[in-house]
Protein backbone atom coordinates (compact mmCIF):
# COMPACT_ATOMS: atom_id res chain seq x y z
CA MET A 1 43.70 5.08 -16.38
CA ARG A 2 39.89 3.90 -17.30
CA SER A 3 39.68 2.16 -13.11
CA LEU A 4 41.18 5.57 -11.68
CA ARG A 5 37.33 6.35 -12.74
CA PHE A 6 35.62 3.96 -11.14
CA LEU A 7 37.66 4.30 -7.57
CA PRO A 8 35.46 7.06 -5.80
CA ALA A 9 32.56 5.47 -7.70
CA CYS A 10 33.67 2.62 -5.87
CA LEU A 11 34.98 4.23 -2.52
CA VAL A 12 31.56 5.52 -2.37
CA LEU A 13 29.76 2.32 -2.71
CA ALA A 14 31.54 0.76 -0.12
CA ALA A 15 31.74 3.26 2.33
CA GLY A 16 27.81 3.07 1.68
CA ALA A 17 27.59 -0.62 2.31
CA ILE A 18 29.42 -1.25 5.49
CA ALA A 19 27.75 2.41 7.28
CA ALA A 20 24.55 0.38 5.82
CA GLU A 21 24.88 -2.61 7.44
CA ASN A 22 26.01 -0.32 10.99
CA TRP A 23 22.87 0.63 10.38
CA LEU A 24 20.58 -1.98 9.57
CA LYS A 25 21.80 -3.57 12.75
CA ASP A 26 20.56 -1.31 15.36
CA ASP A 27 16.79 -2.81 15.70
CA ARG A 28 15.78 0.33 16.99
CA LEU A 29 15.01 1.27 13.06
CA VAL A 30 12.50 -2.21 12.32
CA GLU A 31 10.94 -1.28 15.27
CA ALA A 32 10.07 2.26 13.91
CA ILE A 33 9.11 1.81 11.51
CA GLN A 34 6.69 -1.50 12.92
CA LYS A 35 5.44 1.10 14.42
CA LYS A 36 4.27 3.62 12.29
CA VAL A 37 3.64 0.73 9.82
CA ARG A 38 0.73 0.14 12.72
CA GLU A 39 -0.52 3.79 13.74
CA ILE A 40 -1.51 4.33 9.65
CA GLN A 41 -3.49 1.32 9.61
CA PRO A 42 -6.58 1.39 8.97
CA THR A 43 -9.07 0.54 11.87
CA ARG A 44 -11.75 -1.82 12.65
CA GLU A 45 -14.28 0.60 11.44
CA GLU A 46 -13.02 2.20 9.12
CA LYS A 47 -12.40 -1.64 6.91
CA ARG A 48 -16.14 -0.73 7.23
CA PHE A 49 -16.22 -0.35 3.69
CA ASP A 50 -14.49 -4.18 2.89
CA GLU A 51 -18.16 -5.85 4.27
CA ILE A 52 -19.39 -4.20 0.92
CA GLY A 53 -20.94 -7.37 -0.91
CA TRP A 54 -19.19 -6.50 -4.22
CA ALA A 55 -20.22 -7.73 -7.76
CA SER A 56 -18.47 -7.84 -10.74
CA SER A 57 -20.96 -7.10 -13.06
CA ILE A 58 -24.39 -4.68 -12.77
CA VAL A 59 -25.99 -8.60 -13.75
CA GLU A 60 -24.28 -9.93 -11.51
CA ALA A 61 -25.28 -7.55 -8.74
CA ARG A 62 -29.05 -7.75 -10.39
CA ALA A 63 -28.89 -10.82 -9.88
CA ILE A 64 -27.59 -11.73 -6.13
CA SER A 65 -30.93 -8.32 -5.30
CA GLN A 66 -33.41 -10.31 -6.19
CA LYS A 67 -32.28 -14.00 -4.71
CA THR A 68 -31.54 -11.88 -1.43
CA ASN A 69 -34.98 -9.15 -2.35
CA ARG A 70 -32.64 -6.82 -0.68
CA PRO A 71 -32.60 -4.20 -2.89
CA LEU A 72 -29.14 -2.58 -5.04
CA PHE A 73 -27.54 0.04 -4.83
CA LEU A 74 -24.86 1.29 -8.53
CA PHE A 75 -21.84 3.17 -8.11
CA THR A 76 -20.23 4.31 -10.16
CA TYR A 77 -17.75 7.50 -10.38
CA ASN A 78 -15.81 9.45 -13.12
CA GLY A 79 -12.59 10.23 -12.01
CA ASN A 80 -9.41 8.98 -9.04
CA ILE A 81 -11.84 7.59 -6.48
CA ASP A 82 -7.76 7.94 -4.64
CA THR A 83 -9.00 11.81 -4.42
CA GLY A 84 -12.62 12.10 -3.33
CA ARG A 85 -13.79 13.26 -6.64
CA CYS A 86 -16.31 10.91 -8.10
């Protein structure tokens, strides 16, 4: 009687495995996902932000600023930078 409780779950899992095996063989899925990933990747212009010479502390930034005779820009935020509410 107990084994009958698990029979529907086993059948669903088996059917899902068979369907997934057939579905994953379709290269169109992989190509579509790769295309979407390429579309949403930032462009070179959008990645200019990564070229900023970030320092891990104010002391380190100050030393670099004095060594290179360049200004120090201090960016602080209170909140979540991902939402744009700095």
